[in-house]
Amino acid sequence: MKTIRAVLFDLDGTLLDTVPDLVYALNQTRLMESLPPLPISAIRPIANLGSKMMIKTAFGIEECDPRFNRMREHFLQFYEKHLADATQFFPNVEKVLAHLEKNRIPWGIVTNKLKRHALPLLKALHIEPACIICGDSLAKAKPDPEPIRYACELLKHPPSDCLYVGDAMTDVMASKAAGTKSLVALYGYIQHDQDPLSWGADGYIGEPMELIEWLLR
């Protein structure tokens, strides 16, 4: 395998376990609608699919519903105020990032999370990637390959020398279309009825430290 010279990560479900704060914001929104709270288990599998999918799941409505945009904005506002209350790194992620930095392997983040949430969250947790591409940084977001391609440009390495690590099928789609290697974080937010082994990624890891082993092969 060609040597990997740079690594790009998804954020939610790959670097950070953001579900507790996302569910809190959803439940605050449900409270406004006089609905009971949802358990974390109801949202965790779809937490990497964005706010629209979470609203659809939490309220059982579609985007055409006249209440949809109002509920989504309430959710986003609640989340903005509670970004880092309970969010934390997945176990050993910090060790992986330290390994990359020690070995001078640049790393960045490509996420569909909006800048209004992603940037303050990274600041609160003292995360300093070499680049950060958010869902509204460019005209297109994943699964379009453009955000990953642009991140590779910022890291000054061609896509063929880069690895993208994510926990969703759209991550693999974007990675393959961009020309990078793709690695699936099986510990992330994967729906129960999905088979990630069918996504055609270049590799799969059950926990973050396996990334280091994969890079050393």
N, C-alpha and C. Protein backbone atom coordinates (compact mmCIF):
# COMPACT_ATOMS: atom_id res chain seq x y z
N MET A 1 0.84 -1.19 0.00
CA MET A 1 0.00 0.00 0.00
C MET A 1 0.87 1.24 0.00
N LYS A 2 0.41 2.25 -0.73
CA LYS A 2 1.14 3.51 -0.77
C LYS A 2 1.14 4.15 0.61
N THR A 3 2.24 4.79 0.97
CA THR A 3 2.37 5.40 2.29
C THR A 3 1.36 6.53 2.47
N ILE A 4 0.69 6.52 3.61
CA ILE A 4 -0.25 7.58 3.95
C ILE A 4 0.54 8.73 4.57
N ARG A 5 0.38 9.91 4.03
CA ARG A 5 1.14 11.08 4.49
C ARG A 5 0.28 12.11 5.21
N ALA A 6 -1.04 11.93 5.20
CA ALA A 6 -1.94 12.84 5.91
C ALA A 6 -3.24 12.10 6.22
N VAL A 7 -3.87 12.49 7.32
CA VAL A 7 -5.10 11.82 7.75
C VAL A 7 -6.19 12.86 7.99
N LEU A 8 -7.36 12.56 7.48
CA LEU A 8 -8.54 13.40 7.68
C LEU A 8 -9.59 12.60 8.45
N PHE A 9 -10.30 13.26 9.33
CA PHE A 9 -11.29 12.61 10.18
C PHE A 9 -12.66 13.26 10.03
N ASP A 10 -13.69 12.43 10.12
CA ASP A 10 -15.02 12.92 10.43
C ASP A 10 -14.98 13.35 11.89
N LEU A 11 -16.00 14.06 12.36
CA LEU A 11 -16.00 14.55 13.74
C LEU A 11 -16.93 13.73 14.64
N ASP A 12 -18.23 13.89 14.46
CA ASP A 12 -19.20 13.17 15.29
C ASP A 12 -19.14 11.67 14.98
N GLY A 13 -18.93 10.86 16.01
CA GLY A 13 -18.90 9.42 15.82
C GLY A 13 -17.56 8.87 15.40
N THR A 14 -16.58 9.74 15.21
CA THR A 14 -15.24 9.29 14.81
C THR A 14 -14.19 9.80 15.79
N LEU A 15 -14.12 11.12 15.95
CA LEU A 15 -13.22 11.70 16.96
C LEU A 15 -13.94 11.90 18.29
N LEU A 16 -15.17 12.41 18.20
CA LEU A 16 -15.89 12.81 19.41
C LEU A 16 -17.21 12.07 19.56
N ASP A 17 -17.53 11.73 20.81
CA ASP A 17 -18.84 11.19 21.15
C ASP A 17 -19.71 12.38 21.56
N THR A 18 -20.46 12.91 20.60
CA THR A 18 -21.25 14.11 20.81
C THR A 18 -22.71 13.82 21.15
N VAL A 19 -23.09 12.55 21.17
CA VAL A 19 -24.49 12.18 21.34
C VAL A 19 -25.15 12.74 22.60
N PRO A 20 -24.49 12.69 23.78
CA PRO A 20 -25.17 13.20 24.97
C PRO A 20 -25.66 14.64 24.83
N ASP A 21 -24.85 15.50 24.23
CA ASP A 21 -25.26 16.90 24.08
C ASP A 21 -26.30 17.07 22.97
N LEU A 22 -26.19 16.27 21.92
CA LEU A 22 -27.19 16.33 20.85
C LEU A 22 -28.56 15.88 21.36
N VAL A 23 -28.57 14.79 22.15
CA VAL A 23 -29.83 14.29 22.69
C VAL A 23 -30.43 15.27 23.69
N TYR A 24 -29.58 15.91 24.47
CA TYR A 24 -30.07 16.93 25.40
C TYR A 24 -30.80 18.04 24.63
N ALA A 25 -30.18 18.51 23.55
CA ALA A 25 -30.79 19.59 22.77
C ALA A 25 -32.09 19.12 22.12
N LEU A 26 -32.11 17.89 21.64
CA LEU A 26 -33.34 17.34 21.06
C LEU A 26 -34.44 17.26 22.10
N ASN A 27 -34.10 16.79 23.28
CA ASN A 27 -35.11 16.63 24.32
C ASN A 27 -35.61 17.98 24.84
N GLN A 28 -34.76 19.00 24.83
CA GLN A 28 -35.24 20.32 25.18
C GLN A 28 -36.26 20.82 24.15
N THR A 29 -35.99 20.47 22.89
CA THR A 29 -36.92 20.84 21.82
C THR A 29 -38.22 20.06 21.96
N ARG A 30 -38.12 18.78 22.31
CA ARG A 30 -39.33 17.98 22.53
C ARG A 30 -40.14 18.52 23.71
N LEU A 31 -39.44 18.99 24.73
CA LEU A 31 -40.12 19.55 25.89
C LEU A 31 -40.97 20.76 25.48
N MET A 32 -40.44 21.57 24.56
CA MET A 32 -41.19 22.72 24.07
C MET A 32 -42.48 22.29 23.37
N GLU A 33 -42.46 21.06 22.82
CA GLU A 33 -43.62 20.54 22.11
C GLU A 33 -44.47 19.64 23.02
N SER A 34 -44.19 19.67 24.35
CA SER A 34 -44.92 18.85 25.33
C SER A 34 -44.79 17.36 25.06
N LEU A 35 -43.59 16.95 24.62
CA LEU A 35 -43.31 15.54 24.36
C LEU A 35 -42.31 15.02 25.38
N PRO A 36 -42.39 13.72 25.73
CA PRO A 36 -41.46 13.14 26.70
C PRO A 36 -40.06 13.01 26.11
N PRO A 37 -39.02 12.94 26.95
CA PRO A 37 -37.65 12.82 26.46
C PRO A 37 -37.39 11.47 25.79
N LEU A 38 -36.44 11.47 24.87
CA LEU A 38 -36.00 10.25 24.20
C LEU A 38 -34.75 9.72 24.87
N PRO A 39 -34.55 8.40 24.90
CA PRO A 39 -33.28 7.85 25.40
C PRO A 39 -32.17 8.04 24.39
N ILE A 40 -30.95 8.04 24.87
CA ILE A 40 -29.80 8.19 23.98
C ILE A 40 -29.80 7.11 22.90
N SER A 41 -30.24 5.90 23.25
CA SER A 41 -30.22 4.78 22.31
C SER A 41 -31.09 5.04 21.08
N ALA A 42 -32.08 5.93 21.20
CA ALA A 42 -32.97 6.21 20.07
C ALA A 42 -32.29 7.09 19.02
N ILE A 43 -31.31 7.88 19.43
CA ILE A 43 -30.67 8.84 18.53
C ILE A 43 -29.25 8.43 18.14
N ARG A 44 -28.57 7.70 19.01
CA ARG A 44 -27.16 7.39 18.78
C ARG A 44 -26.87 6.83 17.37
N PRO A 45 -27.65 5.88 16.85
CA PRO A 45 -27.30 5.31 15.54
C PRO A 45 -27.38 6.30 14.38
N ILE A 46 -28.12 7.40 14.55
CA ILE A 46 -28.27 8.33 13.42
C ILE A 46 -27.66 9.69 13.71
N ALA A 47 -26.85 9.78 14.75
CA ALA A 47 -26.28 11.07 15.15
C ALA A 47 -25.28 11.61 14.14
N ASN A 48 -24.79 10.78 13.24
CA ASN A 48 -23.84 11.26 12.23
C ASN A 48 -24.53 11.65 10.93
N LEU A 49 -25.87 11.63 10.91
CA LEU A 49 -26.60 11.91 9.68
C LEU A 49 -27.15 13.33 9.62
N GLY A 50 -26.82 14.15 10.63
CA GLY A 50 -27.18 15.55 10.57
C GLY A 50 -28.46 15.91 11.29
N SER A 51 -28.65 17.22 11.46
CA SER A 51 -29.77 17.72 12.25
C SER A 51 -31.13 17.41 11.62
N LYS A 52 -31.19 17.42 10.29
CA LYS A 52 -32.48 17.15 9.65
C LYS A 52 -32.95 15.73 9.95
N MET A 53 -32.04 14.77 9.85
CA MET A 53 -32.43 13.39 10.14
C MET A 53 -32.80 13.21 11.61
N MET A 54 -32.09 13.91 12.50
CA MET A 54 -32.42 13.81 13.92
C MET A 54 -33.81 14.38 14.21
N ILE A 55 -34.16 15.48 13.55
CA ILE A 55 -35.49 16.05 13.74
C ILE A 55 -36.56 15.10 13.18
N LYS A 56 -36.30 14.54 12.01
CA LYS A 56 -37.25 13.58 11.43
C LYS A 56 -37.49 12.41 12.38
N THR A 57 -36.40 11.91 12.97
CA THR A 57 -36.51 10.75 13.86
C THR A 57 -37.16 11.13 15.19
N ALA A 58 -36.75 12.25 15.75
CA ALA A 58 -37.23 12.64 17.08
C ALA A 58 -38.70 13.05 17.08
N PHE A 59 -39.18 13.56 15.93
CA PHE A 59 -40.55 14.07 15.89
C PHE A 59 -41.44 13.34 14.90
N GLY A 60 -40.85 12.43 14.13
CA GLY A 60 -41.65 11.68 13.17
C GLY A 60 -42.29 12.54 12.10
N ILE A 61 -41.57 13.57 11.67
CA ILE A 61 -42.09 14.47 10.63
C ILE A 61 -41.08 14.57 9.49
N GLU A 62 -41.55 15.05 8.34
CA GLU A 62 -40.71 15.25 7.17
C GLU A 62 -40.45 16.74 6.97
N GLU A 63 -39.52 17.05 6.08
CA GLU A 63 -39.14 18.45 5.87
C GLU A 63 -40.29 19.30 5.32
N CYS A 64 -41.27 18.66 4.70
CA CYS A 64 -42.39 19.41 4.16
C CYS A 64 -43.37 19.86 5.25
N ASP A 65 -43.22 19.31 6.46
CA ASP A 65 -44.10 19.68 7.56
C ASP A 65 -43.84 21.15 7.94
N PRO A 66 -44.88 21.96 8.07
CA PRO A 66 -44.68 23.39 8.38
C PRO A 66 -43.97 23.63 9.71
N ARG A 67 -43.93 22.62 10.59
CA ARG A 67 -43.26 22.77 11.88
C ARG A 67 -41.77 22.45 11.81
N PHE A 68 -41.34 21.85 10.70
CA PHE A 68 -39.99 21.27 10.64
C PHE A 68 -38.89 22.30 10.87
N ASN A 69 -38.89 23.37 10.10
CA ASN A 69 -37.81 24.36 10.21
C ASN A 69 -37.77 25.01 11.59
N ARG A 70 -38.94 25.26 12.16
CA ARG A 70 -38.99 25.86 13.50
C ARG A 70 -38.38 24.92 14.54
N MET A 71 -38.74 23.64 14.47
CA MET A 71 -38.19 22.67 15.42
C MET A 71 -36.69 22.51 15.23
N ARG A 72 -36.26 22.48 13.99
CA ARG A 72 -34.83 22.31 13.72
C ARG A 72 -34.04 23.50 14.26
N GLU A 73 -34.53 24.70 14.06
CA GLU A 73 -33.81 25.87 14.54
C GLU A 73 -33.77 25.92 16.07
N HIS A 74 -34.86 25.53 16.72
CA HIS A 74 -34.85 25.44 18.18
C HIS A 74 -33.79 24.44 18.64
N PHE A 75 -33.76 23.30 17.97
CA PHE A 75 -32.76 22.28 18.30
C PHE A 75 -31.35 22.83 18.14
N LEU A 76 -31.07 23.49 17.02
CA LEU A 76 -29.73 24.02 16.76
C LEU A 76 -29.35 25.08 17.79
N GLN A 77 -30.33 25.88 18.20
CA GLN A 77 -30.05 26.91 19.20
C GLN A 77 -29.75 26.30 20.57
N PHE A 78 -30.52 25.29 20.96
CA PHE A 78 -30.24 24.60 22.22
C PHE A 78 -28.85 23.96 22.18
N TYR A 79 -28.54 23.33 21.05
CA TYR A 79 -27.25 22.64 20.93
C TYR A 79 -26.10 23.64 21.00
N GLU A 80 -26.28 24.78 20.37
CA GLU A 80 -25.23 25.81 20.36
C GLU A 80 -24.84 26.25 21.77
N LYS A 81 -25.80 26.19 22.69
CA LYS A 81 -25.55 26.62 24.06
C LYS A 81 -24.99 25.49 24.94
N HIS A 82 -25.00 24.27 24.43
CA HIS A 82 -24.58 23.12 25.25
C HIS A 82 -23.68 22.18 24.44
N LEU A 83 -22.78 22.76 23.67
CA LEU A 83 -21.93 22.00 22.76
C LEU A 83 -21.01 21.01 23.46
N ALA A 84 -20.48 21.42 24.59
CA ALA A 84 -19.40 20.63 25.21
C ALA A 84 -19.71 20.26 26.66
N ASP A 85 -20.98 20.19 27.01
CA ASP A 85 -21.34 19.83 28.38
C ASP A 85 -20.89 18.41 28.71
N ALA A 86 -21.20 17.47 27.82
CA ALA A 86 -20.88 16.07 28.08
C ALA A 86 -20.12 15.41 26.93
N THR A 87 -19.88 16.15 25.85
CA THR A 87 -19.13 15.61 24.72
C THR A 87 -17.69 15.32 25.13
N GLN A 88 -17.16 14.21 24.64
CA GLN A 88 -15.78 13.84 24.94
C GLN A 88 -15.18 13.03 23.81
N PHE A 89 -13.85 12.93 23.83
CA PHE A 89 -13.16 12.08 22.87
C PHE A 89 -13.57 10.62 23.07
N PHE A 90 -13.63 9.88 21.98
CA PHE A 90 -13.73 8.43 22.12
C PHE A 90 -12.43 7.94 22.77
N PRO A 91 -12.47 6.85 23.52
CA PRO A 91 -11.26 6.35 24.18
C PRO A 91 -10.09 6.18 23.20
N ASN A 92 -8.95 6.70 23.60
CA ASN A 92 -7.68 6.56 22.87
C ASN A 92 -7.54 7.48 21.66
N VAL A 93 -8.56 8.26 21.33
CA VAL A 93 -8.43 9.17 20.19
C VAL A 93 -7.29 10.17 20.42
N GLU A 94 -7.18 10.69 21.64
CA GLU A 94 -6.11 11.64 21.93
C GLU A 94 -4.73 11.02 21.73
N LYS A 95 -4.59 9.73 22.03
CA LYS A 95 -3.32 9.04 21.82
C LYS A 95 -3.02 8.93 20.33
N VAL A 96 -4.04 8.70 19.54
CA VAL A 96 -3.87 8.61 18.09
C VAL A 96 -3.42 9.96 17.53
N LEU A 97 -4.07 11.03 17.96
CA LEU A 97 -3.68 12.36 17.47
C LEU A 97 -2.27 12.72 17.91
N ALA A 98 -1.90 12.33 19.13
CA ALA A 98 -0.54 12.58 19.61
C ALA A 98 0.47 11.82 18.77
N HIS A 99 0.12 10.59 18.37
CA HIS A 99 1.01 9.79 17.52
C HIS A 99 1.22 10.47 16.17
N LEU A 100 0.12 10.97 15.58
CA LEU A 100 0.23 11.65 14.29
C LEU A 100 1.13 12.87 14.39
N GLU A 101 0.94 13.65 15.44
CA GLU A 101 1.74 14.86 15.59
C GLU A 101 3.20 14.53 15.88
N LYS A 102 3.44 13.51 16.69
CA LYS A 102 4.82 13.10 17.00
C LYS A 102 5.55 12.67 15.74
N ASN A 103 4.81 12.03 14.83
CA ASN A 103 5.42 11.53 13.60
C ASN A 103 5.25 12.49 12.42
N ARG A 104 4.83 13.72 12.75
CA ARG A 104 4.70 14.78 11.76
C ARG A 104 3.81 14.39 10.59
N ILE A 105 2.72 13.71 10.91
CA ILE A 105 1.70 13.37 9.93
C ILE A 105 0.57 14.39 10.11
N PRO A 106 0.39 15.32 9.18
CA PRO A 106 -0.65 16.33 9.36
C PRO A 106 -2.04 15.69 9.34
N TRP A 107 -2.94 16.27 10.14
CA TRP A 107 -4.29 15.73 10.18
C TRP A 107 -5.31 16.87 10.23
N GLY A 108 -6.46 16.60 9.70
CA GLY A 108 -7.51 17.60 9.66
C GLY A 108 -8.87 16.97 9.85
N ILE A 109 -9.89 17.79 9.80
CA ILE A 109 -11.26 17.36 10.03
C ILE A 109 -12.13 17.80 8.86
N VAL A 110 -12.93 16.88 8.35
CA VAL A 110 -13.94 17.20 7.35
C VAL A 110 -15.27 16.68 7.89
N THR A 111 -16.15 17.59 8.24
CA THR A 111 -17.41 17.24 8.88
C THR A 111 -18.57 17.96 8.21
N ASN A 112 -19.75 17.40 8.31
CA ASN A 112 -20.94 18.09 7.84
C ASN A 112 -21.56 18.96 8.94
N LYS A 113 -20.92 18.98 10.10
CA LYS A 113 -21.39 19.84 11.18
C LYS A 113 -21.22 21.30 10.77
N LEU A 114 -22.19 22.13 11.12
CA LEU A 114 -22.12 23.54 10.75
C LEU A 114 -20.99 24.26 11.49
N LYS A 115 -20.46 25.31 10.87
CA LYS A 115 -19.39 26.08 11.51
C LYS A 115 -19.81 26.64 12.86
N ARG A 116 -21.06 27.03 12.99
CA ARG A 116 -21.54 27.64 14.23
C ARG A 116 -21.46 26.67 15.42
N HIS A 117 -21.38 25.37 15.11
CA HIS A 117 -21.26 24.37 16.15
C HIS A 117 -19.85 23.75 16.20
N ALA A 118 -19.31 23.43 15.04
CA ALA A 118 -18.03 22.73 14.99
C ALA A 118 -16.89 23.57 15.56
N LEU A 119 -16.79 24.82 15.14
CA LEU A 119 -15.65 25.65 15.56
C LEU A 119 -15.64 25.93 17.07
N PRO A 120 -16.76 26.33 17.67
CA PRO A 120 -16.75 26.51 19.13
C PRO A 120 -16.50 25.22 19.89
N LEU A 121 -17.00 24.10 19.35
CA LEU A 121 -16.77 22.81 20.02
C LEU A 121 -15.29 22.46 20.02
N LEU A 122 -14.62 22.63 18.90
CA LEU A 122 -13.18 22.34 18.83
C LEU A 122 -12.40 23.26 19.77
N LYS A 123 -12.81 24.50 19.83
CA LYS A 123 -12.14 25.45 20.73
C LYS A 123 -12.33 25.05 22.19
N ALA A 124 -13.55 24.63 22.54
CA ALA A 124 -13.84 24.25 23.92
C ALA A 124 -13.04 23.03 24.37
N LEU A 125 -12.77 22.13 23.42
CA LEU A 125 -12.04 20.90 23.75
C LEU A 125 -10.56 21.00 23.40
N HIS A 126 -10.12 22.19 23.01
CA HIS A 126 -8.70 22.46 22.70
C HIS A 126 -8.18 21.53 21.60
N ILE A 127 -8.99 21.37 20.57
CA ILE A 127 -8.60 20.56 19.41
C ILE A 127 -8.11 21.49 18.32
N GLU A 128 -6.90 21.25 17.81
CA GLU A 128 -6.30 22.15 16.84
C GLU A 128 -5.82 21.37 15.61
N PRO A 129 -6.74 21.03 14.71
CA PRO A 129 -6.34 20.34 13.48
C PRO A 129 -5.63 21.29 12.53
N ALA A 130 -4.92 20.71 11.58
CA ALA A 130 -4.24 21.53 10.58
C ALA A 130 -5.24 22.19 9.65
N CYS A 131 -6.42 21.59 9.50
CA CYS A 131 -7.49 22.21 8.72
C CYS A 131 -8.83 21.69 9.23
N ILE A 132 -9.88 22.48 9.05
CA ILE A 132 -11.23 22.08 9.43
C ILE A 132 -12.19 22.54 8.34
N ILE A 133 -12.85 21.60 7.71
CA ILE A 133 -13.85 21.88 6.69
C ILE A 133 -15.20 21.46 7.26
N CYS A 134 -16.12 22.42 7.35
CA CYS A 134 -17.44 22.16 7.93
C CYS A 134 -18.48 21.98 6.83
N GLY A 135 -19.68 21.64 7.25
CA GLY A 135 -20.73 21.38 6.28
C GLY A 135 -21.13 22.60 5.48
N ASP A 136 -20.88 23.79 6.02
CA ASP A 136 -21.20 25.01 5.29
C ASP A 136 -19.96 25.83 4.94
N SER A 137 -18.79 25.17 4.92
CA SER A 137 -17.56 25.86 4.52
C SER A 137 -17.51 26.06 3.01
N LEU A 138 -18.08 25.11 2.27
CA LEU A 138 -18.07 25.15 0.80
C LEU A 138 -19.51 25.08 0.31
N ALA A 139 -19.68 25.15 -0.99
CA ALA A 139 -21.02 25.07 -1.58
C ALA A 139 -21.60 23.67 -1.44
N LYS A 140 -20.74 22.67 -1.32
CA LYS A 140 -21.19 21.29 -1.23
C LYS A 140 -20.63 20.63 0.03
N ALA A 141 -21.33 19.60 0.50
CA ALA A 141 -20.89 18.85 1.68
C ALA A 141 -20.89 17.36 1.34
N LYS A 142 -20.33 16.55 2.23
CA LYS A 142 -20.35 15.11 2.01
C LYS A 142 -21.79 14.63 1.83
N PRO A 143 -22.06 13.69 0.92
CA PRO A 143 -21.12 12.79 0.27
C PRO A 143 -20.41 13.32 -0.96
N ASP A 144 -20.60 14.60 -1.30
CA ASP A 144 -19.81 15.17 -2.39
C ASP A 144 -18.34 15.13 -1.99
N PRO A 145 -17.44 14.81 -2.92
CA PRO A 145 -16.02 14.69 -2.58
C PRO A 145 -15.27 16.01 -2.41
N GLU A 146 -15.89 17.12 -2.79
CA GLU A 146 -15.18 18.40 -2.80
C GLU A 146 -14.59 18.79 -1.44
N PRO A 147 -15.32 18.62 -0.32
CA PRO A 147 -14.71 19.00 0.97
C PRO A 147 -13.44 18.21 1.29
N ILE A 148 -13.43 16.93 0.97
CA ILE A 148 -12.23 16.13 1.23
C ILE A 148 -11.10 16.54 0.29
N ARG A 149 -11.41 16.77 -0.96
CA ARG A 149 -10.38 17.21 -1.90
C ARG A 149 -9.76 18.55 -1.46
N TYR A 150 -10.62 19.46 -1.01
CA TYR A 150 -10.13 20.76 -0.58
C TYR A 150 -9.26 20.62 0.66
N ALA A 151 -9.65 19.74 1.59
CA ALA A 151 -8.83 19.52 2.78
C ALA A 151 -7.46 18.97 2.40
N CYS A 152 -7.41 18.08 1.42
CA CYS A 152 -6.12 17.54 0.96
C CYS A 152 -5.24 18.67 0.41
N GLU A 153 -5.86 19.59 -0.31
CA GLU A 153 -5.10 20.75 -0.82
C GLU A 153 -4.52 21.56 0.33
N LEU A 154 -5.32 21.78 1.37
CA LEU A 154 -4.85 22.56 2.50
C LEU A 154 -3.71 21.85 3.23
N LEU A 155 -3.75 20.52 3.26
CA LEU A 155 -2.68 19.75 3.91
C LEU A 155 -1.48 19.56 3.00
N LYS A 156 -1.63 20.02 1.74
CA LYS A 156 -0.53 19.98 0.76
C LYS A 156 -0.10 18.56 0.41
N HIS A 157 -1.09 17.68 0.29
CA HIS A 157 -0.83 16.31 -0.15
C HIS A 157 -1.92 15.89 -1.13
N PRO A 158 -1.55 15.16 -2.18
CA PRO A 158 -2.57 14.69 -3.11
C PRO A 158 -3.51 13.70 -2.42
N PRO A 159 -4.77 13.59 -2.87
CA PRO A 159 -5.70 12.65 -2.24
C PRO A 159 -5.17 11.22 -2.14
N SER A 160 -4.39 10.81 -3.13
CA SER A 160 -3.87 9.44 -3.12
C SER A 160 -2.93 9.18 -1.95
N ASP A 161 -2.41 10.24 -1.33
CA ASP A 161 -1.51 10.10 -0.18
C ASP A 161 -2.25 10.29 1.15
N CYS A 162 -3.56 10.49 1.08
CA CYS A 162 -4.34 10.81 2.28
C CYS A 162 -5.32 9.70 2.65
N LEU A 163 -5.66 9.66 3.91
CA LEU A 163 -6.63 8.71 4.44
C LEU A 163 -7.78 9.48 5.06
N TYR A 164 -9.01 9.02 4.81
CA TYR A 164 -10.17 9.62 5.46
C TYR A 164 -10.82 8.58 6.37
N VAL A 165 -11.07 8.98 7.62
CA VAL A 165 -11.64 8.08 8.61
C VAL A 165 -13.03 8.60 9.00
N GLY A 166 -14.05 7.77 8.85
CA GLY A 166 -15.40 8.17 9.20
C GLY A 166 -16.22 6.97 9.64
N ASP A 167 -17.47 7.22 10.00
CA ASP A 167 -18.32 6.14 10.52
C ASP A 167 -19.63 6.01 9.76
N ALA A 168 -19.72 6.59 8.56
CA ALA A 168 -20.95 6.52 7.78
C ALA A 168 -20.65 6.11 6.34
N MET A 169 -21.66 5.54 5.68
CA MET A 169 -21.49 5.16 4.29
C MET A 169 -21.17 6.37 3.43
N THR A 170 -21.76 7.53 3.77
CA THR A 170 -21.47 8.75 3.01
C THR A 170 -20.01 9.15 3.14
N ASP A 171 -19.37 8.83 4.26
CA ASP A 171 -17.95 9.10 4.42
C ASP A 171 -17.12 8.30 3.42
N VAL A 172 -17.48 7.03 3.28
CA VAL A 172 -16.76 6.16 2.35
C VAL A 172 -17.01 6.62 0.91
N MET A 173 -18.25 6.97 0.60
CA MET A 173 -18.58 7.45 -0.75
C MET A 173 -17.77 8.69 -1.10
N ALA A 174 -17.73 9.65 -0.16
CA ALA A 174 -16.99 10.89 -0.41
C ALA A 174 -15.50 10.63 -0.54
N SER A 175 -14.99 9.76 0.32
CA SER A 175 -13.57 9.45 0.31
C SER A 175 -13.15 8.80 -1.00
N LYS A 176 -13.91 7.79 -1.42
CA LYS A 176 -13.56 7.09 -2.66
C LYS A 176 -13.66 8.03 -3.86
N ALA A 177 -14.69 8.87 -3.89
CA ALA A 177 -14.85 9.80 -5.00
C ALA A 177 -13.74 10.85 -5.01
N ALA A 178 -13.23 11.20 -3.83
CA ALA A 178 -12.15 12.19 -3.74
C ALA A 178 -10.79 11.60 -4.10
N GLY A 179 -10.68 10.28 -4.01
CA GLY A 179 -9.42 9.63 -4.34
C GLY A 179 -8.54 9.30 -3.16
N THR A 180 -9.08 9.43 -1.94
CA THR A 180 -8.30 9.07 -0.75
C THR A 180 -8.59 7.62 -0.36
N LYS A 181 -7.77 7.09 0.52
CA LYS A 181 -8.08 5.81 1.15
C LYS A 181 -9.18 6.04 2.18
N SER A 182 -9.98 5.03 2.43
CA SER A 182 -11.10 5.19 3.36
C SER A 182 -11.02 4.14 4.46
N LEU A 183 -11.30 4.59 5.68
CA LEU A 183 -11.27 3.72 6.84
C LEU A 183 -12.55 3.96 7.64
N VAL A 184 -13.24 2.87 8.02
CA VAL A 184 -14.49 3.00 8.75
C VAL A 184 -14.26 2.77 10.24
N ALA A 185 -14.74 3.71 11.05
CA ALA A 185 -14.68 3.59 12.51
C ALA A 185 -15.91 2.81 12.98
N LEU A 186 -15.74 1.52 13.21
CA LEU A 186 -16.86 0.66 13.58
C LEU A 186 -17.40 0.98 14.97
N TYR A 187 -16.63 1.73 15.76
CA TYR A 187 -17.09 2.09 17.11
C TYR A 187 -18.03 3.30 17.08
N GLY A 188 -18.24 3.87 15.90
CA GLY A 188 -19.01 5.10 15.78
C GLY A 188 -20.51 4.89 15.72
N TYR A 189 -21.19 5.83 15.11
CA TYR A 189 -22.65 5.85 15.09
C TYR A 189 -23.15 5.13 13.84
N ILE A 190 -23.23 3.84 13.92
CA ILE A 190 -23.66 3.02 12.78
C ILE A 190 -25.02 2.42 13.10
N GLN A 191 -25.96 2.56 12.17
CA GLN A 191 -27.29 2.07 12.38
C GLN A 191 -27.31 0.54 12.47
N HIS A 192 -28.23 0.04 13.27
CA HIS A 192 -28.28 -1.40 13.53
C HIS A 192 -28.53 -2.23 12.27
N ASP A 193 -29.25 -1.67 11.32
CA ASP A 193 -29.59 -2.43 10.11
C ASP A 193 -28.59 -2.22 8.98
N GLN A 194 -27.49 -1.55 9.27
CA GLN A 194 -26.48 -1.31 8.25
C GLN A 194 -25.36 -2.36 8.33
N ASP A 195 -24.77 -2.65 7.19
CA ASP A 195 -23.63 -3.57 7.12
C ASP A 195 -22.44 -2.79 6.58
N PRO A 196 -21.63 -2.19 7.47
CA PRO A 196 -20.52 -1.36 7.00
C PRO A 196 -19.49 -2.12 6.16
N LEU A 197 -19.43 -3.44 6.33
CA LEU A 197 -18.48 -4.22 5.54
C LEU A 197 -18.87 -4.23 4.06
N SER A 198 -20.10 -3.84 3.76
CA SER A 198 -20.55 -3.79 2.36
C SER A 198 -20.26 -2.45 1.71
N TRP A 199 -19.71 -1.50 2.46
CA TRP A 199 -19.49 -0.16 1.93
C TRP A 199 -18.27 -0.07 1.00
N GLY A 200 -17.43 -1.09 1.04
CA GLY A 200 -16.27 -1.10 0.15
C GLY A 200 -15.12 -0.22 0.57
N ALA A 201 -14.98 0.02 1.89
CA ALA A 201 -13.87 0.83 2.38
C ALA A 201 -12.55 0.06 2.27
N ASP A 202 -11.45 0.79 2.40
CA ASP A 202 -10.14 0.16 2.33
C ASP A 202 -9.77 -0.54 3.64
N GLY A 203 -10.45 -0.18 4.73
CA GLY A 203 -10.16 -0.82 6.00
C GLY A 203 -11.22 -0.50 7.04
N TYR A 204 -11.18 -1.23 8.15
CA TYR A 204 -12.16 -1.07 9.23
C TYR A 204 -11.42 -1.18 10.56
N ILE A 205 -11.79 -0.31 11.51
CA ILE A 205 -11.16 -0.37 12.82
C ILE A 205 -12.24 -0.45 13.90
N GLY A 206 -12.00 -1.31 14.89
CA GLY A 206 -12.95 -1.49 15.97
C GLY A 206 -12.74 -0.51 17.11
N GLU A 207 -11.55 0.08 17.18
CA GLU A 207 -11.26 1.12 18.18
C GLU A 207 -10.12 1.99 17.65
N PRO A 208 -10.00 3.23 18.13
CA PRO A 208 -9.11 4.21 17.51
C PRO A 208 -7.65 3.77 17.38
N MET A 209 -7.09 3.07 18.37
CA MET A 209 -5.67 2.71 18.31
C MET A 209 -5.35 1.81 17.12
N GLU A 210 -6.35 1.14 16.58
CA GLU A 210 -6.11 0.30 15.40
C GLU A 210 -5.72 1.13 14.19
N LEU A 211 -6.02 2.43 14.21
CA LEU A 211 -5.60 3.31 13.13
C LEU A 211 -4.09 3.35 13.02
N ILE A 212 -3.41 3.41 14.16
CA ILE A 212 -1.95 3.44 14.16
C ILE A 212 -1.40 2.15 13.55
N GLU A 213 -1.97 1.03 13.94
CA GLU A 213 -1.54 -0.26 13.37
C GLU A 213 -1.77 -0.26 11.86
N TRP A 214 -2.90 0.28 11.44
CA TRP A 214 -3.23 0.29 10.01
C TRP A 214 -2.22 1.14 9.24
N LEU A 215 -1.82 2.27 9.82
CA LEU A 215 -0.85 3.15 9.14
C LEU A 215 0.52 2.52 9.04
N LEU A 216 0.85 1.65 9.98
CA LEU A 216 2.18 1.04 10.02
C LEU A 216 2.30 -0.22 9.14
N ARG A 217 1.20 -0.67 8.58
CA ARG A 217 1.26 -1.87 7.74
C ARG A 217 2.10 -1.64 6.50
